[in-house]
Amino acid sequence: MNKVMLIGNVGKEPDVRYYDADQCVAKVTLATTERGYVLKNGTKVPDRTDWHSLVFYRQLAKIVEQYVHKGDKLYVEGRLRYNTYDDQQGRRHYVTEIQVENLELLTPKPKPAAEDSTATKKPAAKQGTDDELPF
């Protein structure tokens, strides 16, 4: 079984590229952090942050393009993929990516500015009318 599950923060805006009549691929970097701790002997182990390369295809890539931004918190499920390529100098490079199959946006949606204005707030209830219920 090849399964990866990560929760982390997006490092920069997604890189989305279109190909082949409305098909697209999106690439995102995701930072996951393991919190530091203190050993019994007093030694402090610092936080450790790992960066992961995520790849989204087809409909998921379009969702990423529209809704995912730098700093957003994501939960992703996918599988590890290993690729190699040779650069112009003939050196071989190895790349580890996560091909995402499921995505959940964990960052709450920002409230529209209209909801924050006083124009949309309910007026205070009138005091002393017999028609109002006390609850």
Protein backbone atom coordinates (compact mmCIF):
# COMPACT_ATOMS: atom_id res chain seq x y z
CA MET A 1 0.00 0.00 0.00
CA ASN A 2 1.26 3.48 -0.89
CA LYS A 3 -0.64 6.09 1.17
CA VAL A 4 0.37 9.50 2.49
CA MET A 5 -1.68 11.74 4.79
CA LEU A 6 -0.46 15.24 5.66
CA ILE A 7 -1.73 18.34 7.43
CA GLY A 8 0.27 21.48 6.84
CA ASN A 9 0.48 25.02 5.51
CA VAL A 10 0.90 26.08 1.89
CA GLY A 11 4.32 27.69 1.36
CA LYS A 12 3.60 29.79 -1.74
CA GLU A 13 0.88 30.41 -4.29
CA PRO A 14 0.07 27.30 -6.38
CA ASP A 15 1.76 26.85 -9.75
CA VAL A 16 -1.04 25.90 -12.17
CA ARG A 17 -0.40 24.93 -15.79
CA TYR A 18 -2.98 24.07 -18.44
CA TYR A 19 -2.43 21.49 -21.15
CA ASP A 20 -4.48 19.47 -23.58
CA ALA A 21 -7.86 21.21 -23.98
CA ASP A 22 -8.84 22.38 -20.48
CA GLN A 23 -6.77 19.85 -18.48
CA CYS A 24 -4.46 21.20 -15.81
CA VAL A 25 -1.89 20.29 -13.19
CA ALA A 26 -1.18 22.25 -10.01
CA LYS A 27 1.94 22.09 -7.86
CA VAL A 28 2.04 23.24 -4.26
CA THR A 29 4.65 23.13 -1.50
CA LEU A 30 3.33 22.13 1.91
CA ALA A 31 5.12 22.61 5.24
CA THR A 32 4.49 20.16 8.07
CA THR A 33 5.92 20.77 11.53
CA GLU A 34 6.64 18.38 14.34
CA ARG A 35 6.65 20.28 17.62
CA GLY A 36 9.82 20.36 19.69
CA TYR A 37 10.03 18.91 23.17
CA VAL A 38 12.31 18.67 26.20
CA LEU A 39 13.97 15.39 27.18
CA LYS A 40 14.06 14.23 30.81
CA ASN A 41 17.70 15.30 31.06
CA GLY A 42 16.74 18.87 30.04
CA THR A 43 17.91 18.71 26.42
CA LYS A 44 15.66 20.77 24.15
CA VAL A 45 14.73 19.25 20.81
CA PRO A 46 13.62 22.06 18.45
CA ASP A 47 10.64 22.08 16.09
CA ARG A 48 11.27 20.26 12.82
CA THR A 49 9.66 21.49 9.61
CA ASP A 50 9.58 19.36 6.46
CA TRP A 51 8.61 20.63 3.01
CA HIS A 52 6.61 18.40 0.68
CA SER A 53 5.93 18.78 -3.05
CA LEU A 54 2.29 18.12 -3.88
CA VAL A 55 0.89 17.52 -7.36
CA PHE A 56 -2.81 17.83 -8.21
CA TYR A 57 -4.39 16.74 -11.51
CA ARG A 58 -7.62 17.47 -13.36
CA GLN A 59 -10.53 18.68 -11.20
CA LEU A 60 -8.48 18.86 -7.99
CA ALA A 61 -6.01 21.14 -9.78
CA LYS A 62 -8.85 23.49 -10.73
CA ILE A 63 -10.05 23.55 -7.12
CA VAL A 64 -6.51 24.35 -5.96
CA GLU A 65 -6.27 27.16 -8.51
CA GLN A 66 -9.48 28.73 -7.25
CA TYR A 67 -9.37 28.19 -3.48
CA VAL A 68 -5.82 27.46 -2.24
CA HIS A 69 -3.45 30.31 -1.35
CA LYS A 70 -0.19 30.85 0.48
CA GLY A 71 -0.58 30.20 4.22
CA ASP A 72 -3.74 28.08 3.94
CA LYS A 73 -3.93 24.93 6.06
CA LEU A 74 -4.65 21.75 4.09
CA TYR A 75 -5.28 18.08 4.74
CA VAL A 76 -4.22 15.92 1.81
CA GLU A 77 -4.22 12.21 1.04
CA GLY A 78 -2.27 10.74 -1.80
CA ARG A 79 0.58 8.50 -2.82
CA LEU A 80 4.34 8.91 -3.12
CA ARG A 81 5.80 9.23 -6.60
CA TYR A 82 9.50 9.20 -7.44
CA ASN A 83 10.74 10.83 -10.64
CA THR A 84 14.14 11.52 -12.19
CA TYR A 85 15.29 14.00 -14.78
CA ASP A 86 18.59 15.07 -16.32
CA ASP A 87 19.46 18.78 -16.36
CA GLN A 88 21.30 20.60 -19.17
CA GLN A 89 24.68 19.67 -17.68
CA GLY A 90 23.74 15.99 -17.77
CA ARG A 91 23.34 15.62 -14.00
CA ARG A 92 20.57 13.32 -12.81
CA HIS A 93 18.11 14.73 -10.26
CA TYR A 94 15.72 12.73 -8.11
CA VAL A 95 12.34 14.17 -7.15
CA THR A 96 9.88 12.90 -4.56
CA GLU A 97 6.32 14.16 -4.96
CA ILE A 98 2.95 13.38 -3.46
CA GLN A 99 0.24 12.78 -6.03
CA VAL A 100 -2.83 14.08 -4.21
CA GLU A 101 -6.08 12.14 -4.48
CA ASN A 102 -8.10 13.85 -1.73
CA LEU A 103 -8.01 17.41 -0.45
CA GLU A 104 -9.69 19.17 2.48
CA LEU A 105 -9.35 22.89 3.07
CA LEU A 106 -8.86 23.47 6.80
CA THR A 107 -8.52 27.26 6.71
CA PRO A 108 -11.87 28.90 7.55
CA LYS A 109 -13.39 31.02 4.81
CA PRO A 110 -13.00 34.76 5.50
CA LYS A 111 -16.22 36.60 6.21
CA PRO A 112 -17.31 39.05 3.52
CA ALA A 113 -16.71 42.71 4.39
CA ALA A 114 -20.46 43.41 4.19
CA GLU A 115 -21.13 41.25 7.25
CA ASP A 116 -18.77 43.36 9.32
CA SER A 117 -20.48 46.66 8.54
CA THR A 118 -23.17 48.10 10.79
CA ALA A 119 -25.63 48.27 7.90
CA THR A 120 -26.21 44.53 7.98
CA LYS A 121 -26.55 44.19 11.76
CA LYS A 122 -30.02 43.65 13.16
CA PRO A 123 -31.56 46.69 14.80
CA ALA A 124 -32.04 46.53 18.55
CA ALA A 125 -35.38 45.09 19.69
CA LYS A 126 -38.00 47.62 20.73
CA GLN A 127 -38.65 47.69 24.45
CA GLY A 128 -42.12 47.54 25.97
CA THR A 129 -44.30 46.17 23.18
CA ASP A 130 -46.87 43.53 24.14
CA ASP A 131 -46.40 41.54 20.88
CA GLU A 132 -42.82 40.45 21.64
CA LEU A 133 -42.06 37.14 23.31
CA PRO A 134 -39.57 37.22 26.19
CA PHE A 135 -37.35 34.51 24.64
